[in-house]
PDB file of N, CA and C in Angstrom:
ATOM      1  N   MET A   1     183.191 125.776  50.537  1.00  0.00           N
ATOM      2  CA  MET A   1     181.801 125.737  50.933  1.00  0.00           C
ATOM      3  C   MET A   1     180.991 124.865  49.963  1.00  0.00           C
ATOM      4  N   LYS A   2     181.316 124.986  48.675  1.00  0.00           N
ATOM      5  CA  LYS A   2     180.622 124.194  47.655  1.00  0.00           C
ATOM      6  C   LYS A   2     180.840 122.697  47.903  1.00  0.00           C
ATOM      7  N   GLU A   3     182.063 122.324  48.238  1.00  0.00           N
ATOM      8  CA  GLU A   3     182.394 120.924  48.507  1.00  0.00           C
ATOM      9  C   GLU A   3     181.583 120.396  49.697  1.00  0.00           C
ATOM     10  N   TYR A   4     181.462 121.196  50.737  1.00  0.00           N
ATOM     11  CA  TYR A   4     180.697 120.781  51.912  1.00  0.00           C
ATOM     12  C   TYR A   4     179.202 120.658  51.598  1.00  0.00           C
ATOM     13  N   LYS A   5     178.684 121.570  50.796  1.00  0.00           N
ATOM     14  CA  LYS A   5     177.277 121.509  50.404  1.00  0.00           C
ATOM     15  C   LYS A   5     177.006 120.255  49.575  1.00  0.00           C
ATOM     16  N   GLU A   6     177.925 119.925  48.675  1.00  0.00           N
ATOM     17  CA  GLU A   6     177.772 118.706  47.870  1.00  0.00           C
ATOM     18  C   GLU A   6     177.806 117.472  48.761  1.00  0.00           C
ATOM     19  N   ARG A   7     178.706 117.468  49.705  1.00  0.00           N
ATOM     20  CA  ARG A   7     178.821 116.338  50.630  1.00  0.00           C
ATOM     21  C   ARG A   7     177.565 116.240  51.506  1.00  0.00           C
ATOM     22  N   GLN A   8     177.059 117.387  51.946  1.00  0.00           N
ATOM     23  CA  GLN A   8     175.841 117.414  52.746  1.00  0.00           C
ATOM     24  C   GLN A   8     174.663 116.868  51.934  1.00  0.00           C
ATOM     25  N   TYR A   9     174.565 117.269  50.681  1.00  0.00           N
ATOM     26  CA  TYR A   9     173.507 116.766  49.808  1.00  0.00           C
ATOM     27  C   TYR A   9     173.634 115.249  49.635  1.00  0.00           C
ATOM     28  N   GLU A  10     174.846 114.786  49.412  1.00  0.00           N
ATOM     29  CA  GLU A  10     175.107 113.358  49.224  1.00  0.00           C
ATOM     30  C   GLU A  10     174.712 112.559  50.471  1.00  0.00           C
ATOM     31  N   ILE A  11     175.085 113.047  51.645  1.00  0.00           N
ATOM     32  CA  ILE A  11     174.735 112.376  52.897  1.00  0.00           C
ATOM     33  C   ILE A  11     173.219 112.391  53.099  1.00  0.00           C
ATOM     34  N   GLY A  12     172.583 113.500  52.809  1.00  0.00           N
ATOM     35  CA  GLY A  12     171.124 113.592  52.927  1.00  0.00           C
ATOM     36  C   GLY A  12     170.424 112.617  51.996  1.00  0.00           C
ATOM     37  N   PHE A  13     170.938 112.496  50.777  1.00  0.00           N
ATOM     38  CA  PHE A  13     170.374 111.557  49.806  1.00  0.00           C
ATOM     39  C   PHE A  13     170.514 110.122  50.302  1.00  0.00           C
ATOM     40  N   LYS A  14     171.696 109.769  50.819  1.00  0.00           N
ATOM     41  CA  LYS A  14     171.917 108.416  51.343  1.00  0.00           C
ATOM     42  C   LYS A  14     171.029 108.150  52.554  1.00  0.00           C
ATOM     43  N   LEU A  15     170.848 109.148  53.399  1.00  0.00           N
ATOM     44  CA  LEU A  15     169.969 109.008  54.562  1.00  0.00           C
ATOM     45  C   LEU A  15     168.538 108.733  54.114  1.00  0.00           C
ATOM     46  N   ASP A  16     168.075 109.449  53.101  1.00  0.00           N
ATOM     47  CA  ASP A  16     166.730 109.220  52.562  1.00  0.00           C
ATOM     48  C   ASP A  16     166.589 107.801  52.017  1.00  0.00           C
ATOM     49  N   GLN A  17     167.628 107.322  51.325  1.00  0.00           N
ATOM     50  CA  GLN A  17     167.597 105.968  50.780  1.00  0.00           C
ATOM     51  C   GLN A  17     167.516 104.929  51.896  1.00  0.00           C
ATOM     52  N   HIS A  18     168.296 105.115  52.946  1.00  0.00           N
ATOM     53  CA  HIS A  18     168.279 104.178  54.071  1.00  0.00           C
ATOM     54  C   HIS A  18     166.933 104.214  54.800  1.00  0.00           C
ATOM     55  N   THR A  19     166.368 105.395  54.957  1.00  0.00           N
ATOM     56  CA  THR A  19     165.065 105.522  55.602  1.00  0.00           C
ATOM     57  C   THR A  19     164.004 104.812  54.791  1.00  0.00           C
ATOM     58  N   LYS A  20     164.027 104.990  53.483  1.00  0.00           N
ATOM     59  CA  LYS A  20     163.067 104.311  52.599  1.00  0.00           C
ATOM     60  C   LYS A  20     163.259 102.808  52.666  1.00  0.00           C
ATOM     61  N   ALA A  21     164.496 102.343  52.650  1.00  0.00           N
ATOM     62  CA  ALA A  21     164.767 100.907  52.730  1.00  0.00           C
ATOM     63  C   ALA A  21     164.279 100.342  54.054  1.00  0.00           C
ATOM     64  N   ASP A  22     164.444 101.106  55.131  1.00  0.00           N
ATOM     65  CA  ASP A  22     163.982 100.667  56.449  1.00  0.00           C
ATOM     66  C   ASP A  22     162.457 100.537  56.462  1.00  0.00           C
ATOM     67  N   GLU A  23     161.766 101.503  55.875  1.00  0.00           N
ATOM     68  CA  GLU A  23     160.307 101.442  55.797  1.00  0.00           C
ATOM     69  C   GLU A  23     159.872 100.252  54.948  1.00  0.00           C
ATOM     70  N   ASP A  24     160.537 100.040  53.818  1.00  0.00           N
ATOM     71  CA  ASP A  24     160.208  98.911  52.941  1.00  0.00           C
ATOM     72  C   ASP A  24     160.432  97.586  53.663  1.00  0.00           C
ATOM     73  N   PHE A  25     161.501  97.506  54.449  1.00  0.00           N
ATOM     74  CA  PHE A  25     161.776  96.288  55.208  1.00  0.00           C
ATOM     75  C   PHE A  25     160.652  95.993  56.186  1.00  0.00           C
ATOM     76  N   HIS A  26     160.200  97.003  56.902  1.00  0.00           N
ATOM     77  CA  HIS A  26     159.136  96.805  57.890  1.00  0.00           C
ATOM     78  C   HIS A  26     157.832  96.377  57.217  1.00  0.00           C
ATOM     79  N   ILE A  27     157.533  96.949  56.066  1.00  0.00           N
ATOM     80  CA  ILE A  27     156.320  96.564  55.331  1.00  0.00           C
ATOM     81  C   ILE A  27     156.435  95.110  54.869  1.00  0.00           C
ATOM     82  N   THR A  28     157.589  94.747  54.321  1.00  0.00           N
ATOM     83  CA  THR A  28     157.806  93.383  53.850  1.00  0.00           C
ATOM     84  C   THR A  28     157.746  92.395  55.005  1.00  0.00           C
ATOM     85  N   ALA A  29     158.416  92.716  56.108  1.00  0.00           N
ATOM     86  CA  ALA A  29     158.411  91.825  57.272  1.00  0.00           C
ATOM     87  C   ALA A  29     156.994  91.648  57.803  1.00  0.00           C
ATOM     88  N   SER A  30     156.228  92.705  57.863  1.00  0.00           N
ATOM     89  CA  SER A  30     154.851  92.626  58.329  1.00  0.00           C
ATOM     90  C   SER A  30     154.026  91.728  57.413  1.00  0.00           C
ATOM     91  N   THR A  31     154.210  91.862  56.117  1.00  0.00           N
ATOM     92  CA  THR A  31     153.493  91.029  55.149  1.00  0.00           C
ATOM     93  C   THR A  31     153.875  89.565  55.294  1.00  0.00           C
ATOM     94  N   VAL A  32     155.165  89.291  55.451  1.00  0.00           N
ATOM     95  CA  VAL A  32     155.648  87.915  55.600  1.00  0.00           C
ATOM     96  C   VAL A  32     155.047  87.278  56.851  1.00  0.00           C
ATOM     97  N   PHE A  33     155.100  87.967  57.979  1.00  0.00           N
ATOM     98  CA  PHE A  33     154.563  87.407  59.216  1.00  0.00           C
ATOM     99  C   PHE A  33     153.044  87.254  59.157  1.00  0.00           C
ATOM    100  N   SER A  34     152.372  88.183  58.525  1.00  0.00           N
ATOM    101  CA  SER A  34     150.923  88.076  58.380  1.00  0.00           C
ATOM    102  C   SER A  34     150.560  86.850  57.547  1.00  0.00           C
ATOM    103  N   LEU A  35     151.265  86.653  56.443  1.00  0.00           N
ATOM    104  CA  LEU A  35     151.013  85.482  55.610  1.00  0.00           C
ATOM    105  C   LEU A  35     151.333  84.199  56.360  1.00  0.00           C
ATOM    106  N   ALA A  36     152.437  84.193  57.087  1.00  0.00           N
ATOM    107  CA  ALA A  36     152.814  83.000  57.852  1.00  0.00           C
ATOM    108  C   ALA A  36     151.755  82.666  58.901  1.00  0.00           C
ATOM    109  N   ASN A  37     151.206  83.673  59.548  1.00  0.00           N
ATOM    110  CA  ASN A  37     150.191  83.451  60.587  1.00  0.00           C
ATOM    111  C   ASN A  37     148.845  83.020  60.015  1.00  0.00           C
ATOM    112  N   ARG A  38     148.531  83.471  58.802  1.00  0.00           N
ATOM    113  CA  ARG A  38     147.214  83.216  58.241  1.00  0.00           C
ATOM    114  C   ARG A  38     147.226  82.231  57.074  1.00  0.00           C
ATOM    115  N   ALA A  39     148.358  81.587  56.806  1.00  0.00           N
ATOM    116  CA  ALA A  39     148.490  80.721  55.630  1.00  0.00           C
ATOM    117  C   ALA A  39     147.414  79.645  55.590  1.00  0.00           C
ATOM    118  N   SER A  40     147.187  78.983  56.697  1.00  0.00           N
ATOM    119  CA  SER A  40     146.185  77.913  56.743  1.00  0.00           C
ATOM    120  C   SER A  40     144.795  78.458  56.441  1.00  0.00           C
ATOM    121  N   GLU A  41     144.449  79.562  57.070  1.00  0.00           N
ATOM    122  CA  GLU A  41     143.138  80.197  56.855  1.00  0.00           C
ATOM    123  C   GLU A  41     142.972  80.631  55.398  1.00  0.00           C
ATOM    124  N   ILE A  42     144.005  81.248  54.848  1.00  0.00           N
ATOM    125  CA  ILE A  42     143.970  81.694  53.450  1.00  0.00           C
ATOM    126  C   ILE A  42     143.825  80.490  52.527  1.00  0.00           C
ATOM    127  N   PHE A  43     144.596  79.442  52.800  1.00  0.00           N
ATOM    128  CA  PHE A  43     144.562  78.252  51.961  1.00  0.00           C
ATOM    129  C   PHE A  43     143.166  77.624  51.955  1.00  0.00           C
ATOM    130  N   GLU A  44     142.580  77.462  53.125  1.00  0.00           N
ATOM    131  CA  GLU A  44     141.270  76.817  53.228  1.00  0.00           C
ATOM    132  C   GLU A  44     140.172  77.593  52.510  1.00  0.00           C
ATOM    133  N   SER A  45     140.259  78.898  52.491  1.00  0.00           N
ATOM    134  CA  SER A  45     139.206  79.716  51.892  1.00  0.00           C
ATOM    135  C   SER A  45     139.480  80.075  50.426  1.00  0.00           C
ATOM    136  N   SER A  46     140.524  79.507  49.839  1.00  0.00           N
ATOM    137  CA  SER A  46     140.912  79.860  48.474  1.00  0.00           C
ATOM    138  C   SER A  46     140.393  78.870  47.446  1.00  0.00           C
ATOM    139  N   GLU A  47     140.332  79.349  46.213  1.00  0.00           N
ATOM    140  CA  GLU A  47     140.003  78.508  45.062  1.00  0.00           C
ATOM    141  C   GLU A  47     141.234  77.679  44.705  1.00  0.00           C
ATOM    142  N   PRO A  48     141.061  76.577  43.950  1.00  0.00           N
ATOM    143  CA  PRO A  48     142.204  75.713  43.616  1.00  0.00           C
ATOM    144  C   PRO A  48     143.384  76.448  42.982  1.00  0.00           C
ATOM    145  N   ARG A  49     143.130  77.367  42.065  1.00  0.00           N
ATOM    146  CA  ARG A  49     144.228  78.114  41.418  1.00  0.00           C
ATOM    147  C   ARG A  49     144.974  78.972  42.440  1.00  0.00           C
ATOM    148  N   GLU A  50     144.241  79.594  43.347  1.00  0.00           N
ATOM    149  CA  GLU A  50     144.858  80.411  44.388  1.00  0.00           C
ATOM    150  C   GLU A  50     145.669  79.548  45.344  1.00  0.00           C
ATOM    151  N   LYS A  51     145.157  78.349  45.648  1.00  0.00           N
ATOM    152  CA  LYS A  51     145.889  77.418  46.503  1.00  0.00           C
ATOM    153  C   LYS A  51     147.219  77.042  45.851  1.00  0.00           C
ATOM    154  N   GLN A  52     147.169  76.796  44.546  1.00  0.00           N
ATOM    155  CA  GLN A  52     148.395  76.447  43.814  1.00  0.00           C
ATOM    156  C   GLN A  52     149.396  77.607  43.871  1.00  0.00           C
ATOM    157  N   GLN A  53     148.932  78.827  43.707  1.00  0.00           N
ATOM    158  CA  GLN A  53     149.808  79.992  43.768  1.00  0.00           C
ATOM    159  C   GLN A  53     150.412  80.155  45.163  1.00  0.00           C
ATOM    160  N   LEU A  54     149.593  79.966  46.188  1.00  0.00           N
ATOM    161  CA  LEU A  54     150.082  80.093  47.556  1.00  0.00           C
ATOM    162  C   LEU A  54     151.149  79.039  47.835  1.00  0.00           C
ATOM    163  N   LEU A  55     150.884  77.805  47.434  1.00  0.00           N
ATOM    164  CA  LEU A  55     151.858  76.735  47.655  1.00  0.00           C
ATOM    165  C   LEU A  55     153.150  76.985  46.897  1.00  0.00           C
ATOM    166  N   SER A  56     153.056  77.469  45.663  1.00  0.00           N
ATOM    167  CA  SER A  56     154.289  77.729  44.905  1.00  0.00           C
ATOM    168  C   SER A  56     155.064  78.912  45.488  1.00  0.00           C
ATOM    169  N   TYR A  57     154.359  79.821  46.171  1.00  0.00           N
ATOM    170  CA  TYR A  57     155.011  80.947  46.828  1.00  0.00           C
ATOM    171  C   TYR A  57     155.731  80.506  48.099  1.00  0.00           C
ATOM    172  N   LEU A  58     155.137  79.563  48.832  1.00  0.00           N
ATOM    173  CA  LEU A  58     155.693  79.122  50.109  1.00  0.00           C
ATOM    174  C   LEU A  58     156.688  77.974  49.992  1.00  0.00           C
ATOM    175  N   LEU A  59     156.524  77.124  48.972  1.00  0.00           N
ATOM    176  CA  LEU A  59     157.297  75.884  48.887  1.00  0.00           C
ATOM    177  C   LEU A  59     158.268  75.895  47.722  1.00  0.00           C
ATOM    178  N   GLN A  60     159.320  75.091  47.872  1.00  0.00           N
ATOM    179  CA  GLN A  60     160.282  74.895  46.781  1.00  0.00           C
ATOM    180  C   GLN A  60     160.741  73.438  46.817  1.00  0.00           C
ATOM    181  N   ASN A  61     161.164  72.934  45.691  1.00  0.00           N
ATOM    182  CA  ASN A  61     161.726  71.583  45.587  1.00  0.00           C
ATOM    183  C   ASN A  61     160.817  70.503  46.164  1.00  0.00           C
ATOM    184  N   CYS A  62     159.543  70.539  45.811  1.00  0.00           N
ATOM    185  CA  CYS A  62     158.631  69.486  46.250  1.00  0.00           C
ATOM    186  C   CYS A  62     158.923  68.222  45.444  1.00  0.00           C
ATOM    187  N   VAL A  63     159.037  67.080  46.147  1.00  0.00           N
ATOM    188  CA  VAL A  63     159.371  65.812  45.515  1.00  0.00           C
ATOM    189  C   VAL A  63     158.434  64.744  46.054  1.00  0.00           C
ATOM    190  N   LEU A  64     157.909  63.920  45.159  1.00  0.00           N
ATOM    191  CA  LEU A  64     157.098  62.790  45.569  1.00  0.00           C
ATOM    192  C   LEU A  64     158.016  61.584  45.683  1.00  0.00           C
ATOM    193  N   ASN A  65     158.210  61.116  46.914  1.00  0.00           N
ATOM    194  CA  ASN A  65     159.093  59.986  47.203  1.00  0.00           C
ATOM    195  C   ASN A  65     158.200  58.794  47.560  1.00  0.00           C
ATOM    196  N   GLY A  66     157.901  57.969  46.555  1.00  0.00           N
ATOM    197  CA  GLY A  66     156.940  56.893  46.767  1.00  0.00           C
ATOM    198  C   GLY A  66     155.564  57.499  46.961  1.00  0.00           C
ATOM    199  N   ARG A  67     154.987  57.293  48.138  1.00  0.00           N
ATOM    200  CA  ARG A  67     153.679  57.869  48.450  1.00  0.00           C
ATOM    201  C   ARG A  67     153.803  59.060  49.395  1.00  0.00           C
ATOM    202  N   LYS A  68     155.039  59.475  49.666  1.00  0.00           N
ATOM    203  CA  LYS A  68     155.278  60.567  50.609  1.00  0.00           C
ATOM    204  C   LYS A  68     155.733  61.819  49.853  1.00  0.00           C
ATOM    205  N   LEU A  69     155.074  62.936  50.139  1.00  0.00           N
ATOM    206  CA  LEU A  69     155.450  64.214  49.548  1.00  0.00           C
ATOM    207  C   LEU A  69     156.475  64.885  50.449  1.00  0.00           C
ATOM    208  N   GLU A  70     157.642  65.164  49.910  1.00  0.00           N
ATOM    209  CA  GLU A  70     158.686  65.859  50.657  1.00  0.00           C
ATOM    210  C   GLU A  70     158.732  67.301  50.177  1.00  0.00           C
ATOM    211  N   ILE A  71     158.658  68.207  51.124  1.00  0.00           N
ATOM    212  CA  ILE A  71     158.617  69.631  50.778  1.00  0.00           C
ATOM    213  C   ILE A  71     159.756  70.379  51.451  1.00  0.00           C
ATOM    214  N   ALA A  72     160.052  71.538  50.910  1.00  0.00           N
ATOM    215  CA  ALA A  72     161.000  72.463  51.525  1.00  0.00           C
ATOM    216  C   ALA A  72     160.381  73.852  51.444  1.00  0.00           C
ATOM    217  N   LEU A  73     160.351  74.539  52.561  1.00  0.00           N
ATOM    218  CA  LEU A  73     159.820  75.901  52.587  1.00  0.00           C
ATOM    219  C   LEU A  73     160.835  76.875  52.002  1.00  0.00           C
ATOM    220  N   ARG A  74     160.324  77.884  51.361  1.00  0.00           N
ATOM    221  CA  ARG A  74     161.178  78.964  50.872  1.00  0.00           C
ATOM    222  C   ARG A  74     161.562  79.863  52.051  1.00  0.00           C
ATOM    223  N   SER A  75     162.650  80.571  51.874  1.00  0.00           N
ATOM    224  CA  SER A  75     163.061  81.571  52.846  1.00  0.00           C
ATOM    225  C   SER A  75     162.125  82.765  52.676  1.00  0.00           C
ATOM    226  N   PRO A  76     161.701  83.428  53.663  1.00  0.00           N
ATOM    227  CA  PRO A  76     162.032  83.388  55.077  1.00  0.00           C
ATOM    228  C   PRO A  76     161.118  82.466  55.882  1.00  0.00           C
ATOM    229  N   TYR A  77     160.173  81.805  55.213  1.00  0.00           N
ATOM    230  CA  TYR A  77     159.224  80.956  55.941  1.00  0.00           C
ATOM    231  C   TYR A  77     159.926  79.779  56.605  1.00  0.00           C
ATOM    232  N   LYS A  78     160.974  79.282  55.978  1.00  0.00           N
ATOM    233  CA  LYS A  78     161.763  78.201  56.565  1.00  0.00           C
ATOM    234  C   LYS A  78     162.352  78.654  57.904  1.00  0.00           C
ATOM    235  N   THR A  79     162.897  79.857  57.937  1.00  0.00           N
ATOM    236  CA  THR A  79     163.488  80.404  59.162  1.00  0.00           C
ATOM    237  C   THR A  79     162.429  80.596  60.240  1.00  0.00           C
ATOM    238  N   ILE A  80     161.249  81.042  59.850  1.00  0.00           N
ATOM    239  CA  ILE A  80     160.171  81.234  60.819  1.00  0.00           C
ATOM    240  C   ILE A  80     159.819  79.908  61.476  1.00  0.00           C
ATOM    241  N   VAL A  81     159.692  78.862  60.677  1.00  0.00           N
ATOM    242  CA  VAL A  81     159.353  77.541  61.228  1.00  0.00           C
ATOM    243  C   VAL A  81     160.484  77.016  62.109  1.00  0.00           C
ATOM    244  N   GLU A  82     161.711  77.191  61.675  1.00  0.00           N
ATOM    245  CA  GLU A  82     162.854  76.677  62.437  1.00  0.00           C
ATOM    246  C   GLU A  82     163.025  77.367  63.782  1.00  0.00           C
ATOM    247  N   THR A  83     162.614  78.610  63.885  1.00  0.00           N
ATOM    248  CA  THR A  83     162.827  79.376  65.119  1.00  0.00           C
ATOM    249  C   THR A  83     161.545  79.611  65.911  1.00  0.00           C
ATOM    250  N   ARG A  84     160.471  78.925  65.563  1.00  0.00           N
ATOM    251  CA  ARG A  84     159.173  79.192  66.199  1.00  0.00           C
ATOM    252  C   ARG A  84     159.141  78.887  67.687  1.00  0.00           C
ATOM    253  N   HIS A  85     160.017  78.019  68.178  1.00  0.00           N
ATOM    254  CA  HIS A  85     159.999  77.662  69.596  1.00  0.00           C
ATOM    255  C   HIS A  85     161.033  78.430  70.410  1.00  0.00           C
ATOM    256  N   GLN A  86     161.773  79.318  69.787  1.00  0.00           N
ATOM    257  CA  GLN A  86     162.770  80.095  70.511  1.00  0.00           C
ATOM    258  C   GLN A  86     162.118  81.329  71.124  1.00  0.00           C
ATOM    259  N   PRO A  87     162.579  81.730  72.301  1.00  0.00           N
ATOM    260  CA  PRO A  87     162.066  82.979  72.871  1.00  0.00           C
ATOM    261  C   PRO A  87     162.338  84.139  71.921  1.00  0.00           C
ATOM    262  N   VAL A  88     161.452  85.102  71.912  1.00  0.00           N
ATOM    263  CA  VAL A  88     161.522  86.209  70.969  1.00  0.00           C
ATOM    264  C   VAL A  88     162.843  86.967  71.038  1.00  0.00           C
ATOM    265  N   GLY A  89     163.363  87.226  72.220  1.00  0.00           N
ATOM    266  CA  GLY A  89     164.562  88.036  72.355  1.00  0.00           C
ATOM    267  C   GLY A  89     165.868  87.285  72.163  1.00  0.00           C
ATOM    268  N   LEU A  90     165.814  85.969  72.080  1.00  0.00           N
ATOM    269  CA  LEU A  90     167.037  85.179  72.033  1.00  0.00           C
ATOM    270  C   LEU A  90     167.942  85.533  70.852  1.00  0.00           C
ATOM    271  N   PRO A  91     167.443  85.654  69.618  1.00  0.00           N
ATOM    272  CA  PRO A  91     168.339  86.031  68.526  1.00  0.00           C
ATOM    273  C   PRO A  91     169.005  87.385  68.759  1.00  0.00           C
ATOM    274  N   LEU A  92     168.272  88.335  69.345  1.00  0.00           N
ATOM    275  CA  LEU A  92     168.840  89.652  69.630  1.00  0.00           C
ATOM    276  C   LEU A  92     169.957  89.544  70.655  1.00  0.00           C
ATOM    277  N   VAL A  93     169.741  88.757  71.698  1.00  0.00           N
ATOM    278  CA  VAL A  93     170.770  88.563  72.721  1.00  0.00           C
ATOM    279  C   VAL A  93     172.033  87.980  72.086  1.00  0.00           C
ATOM    280  N   ASP A  94     171.862  87.009  71.215  1.00  0.00           N
ATOM    281  CA  ASP A  94     172.999  86.390  70.539  1.00  0.00           C
ATOM    282  C   ASP A  94     173.733  87.400  69.653  1.00  0.00           C
ATOM    283  N   ASP A  95     172.976  88.245  68.954  1.00  0.00           N
ATOM    284  CA  ASP A  95     173.596  89.272  68.110  1.00  0.00           C
ATOM    285  C   ASP A  95     174.412  90.262  68.944  1.00  0.00           C
ATOM    286  N   VAL A  96     173.849  90.686  70.069  1.00  0.00           N
ATOM    287  CA  VAL A  96     174.549  91.644  70.944  1.00  0.00           C
ATOM    288  C   VAL A  96     175.814  91.005  71.507  1.00  0.00           C
ATOM    289  N   ARG A  97     175.700  89.772  71.977  1.00  0.00           N
ATOM    290  CA  ARG A  97     176.863  89.067  72.523  1.00  0.00           C
ATOM    291  C   ARG A  97     177.950  88.930  71.458  1.00  0.00           C
ATOM    292  N   THR A  98     177.557  88.559  70.252  1.00  0.00           N
ATOM    293  CA  THR A  98     178.517  88.406  69.157  1.00  0.00           C
ATOM    294  C   THR A  98     179.191  89.738  68.840  1.00  0.00           C
ATOM    295  N   TYR A  99     178.413  90.805  68.859  1.00  0.00           N
ATOM    296  CA  TYR A  99     178.969  92.141  68.584  1.00  0.00           C
ATOM    297  C   TYR A  99     180.030  92.498  69.626  1.00  0.00           C
ATOM    298  N   PHE A 100     179.708  92.323  70.917  1.00  0.00           N
ATOM    299  CA  PHE A 100     180.640  92.685  71.958  1.00  0.00           C
ATOM    300  C   PHE A 100     181.889  91.785  71.947  1.00  0.00           C
ATOM    301  N   LEU A 101     181.703  90.527  71.600  1.00  0.00           N
ATOM    302  CA  LEU A 101     182.858  89.653  71.470  1.00  0.00           C
ATOM    303  C   LEU A 101     183.768  90.119  70.329  1.00  0.00           C
ATOM    304  N   ALA A 102     183.153  90.579  69.269  1.00  0.00           N
ATOM    305  CA  ALA A 102     183.911  91.018  68.103  1.00  0.00           C
ATOM    306  C   ALA A 102     184.751  92.262  68.399  1.00  0.00           C
ATOM    307  N   ILE A 103     184.239  93.128  69.269  1.00  0.00           N
ATOM    308  CA  ILE A 103     185.001  94.338  69.579  1.00  0.00           C
ATOM    309  C   ILE A 103     185.716  94.233  70.921  1.00  0.00           C
ATOM    310  N   ASN A 104     185.756  93.028  71.473  1.00  0.00           N
ATOM    311  CA  ASN A 104     186.471  92.734  72.719  1.00  0.00           C
ATOM    312  C   ASN A 104     186.000  93.544  73.923  1.00  0.00           C
ATOM    313  N   LEU A 105     184.697  93.757  74.031  1.00  0.00           N
ATOM    314  CA  LEU A 105     184.160  94.483  75.190  1.00  0.00           C
ATOM    315  C   LEU A 105     183.411  93.558  76.131  1.00  0.00           C
ATOM    316  N   TYR A 106     183.227  92.344  75.760  1.00  0.00           N
ATOM    317  CA  TYR A 106     182.417  91.412  76.562  1.00  0.00           C
ATOM    318  C   TYR A 106     183.261  90.657  77.537  1.00  0.00           C
TER     319      TYR A 106
END
């Protein structure tokens, strides 16, 4: 009985950790999408130091090539830009299809 109680406690603890991680993920994802949607508005209304902080948060490996500035977005903003024209459900459909192919049910 003691062994089962310990195992039950361990499973409950892991469940709590996963629930907390899930909540943290949703908060982070919401913040990322909010920033991505409002970046231009935030940038325009910010002071120069704040603009610099926002740019350093969003961009990486900025290079001046002659008179042209070449930039690279940090993850996950790069992914958001790359997938902005895809239908919302398309990545989910691909994940489900891949899952079923992997278990040979498709």
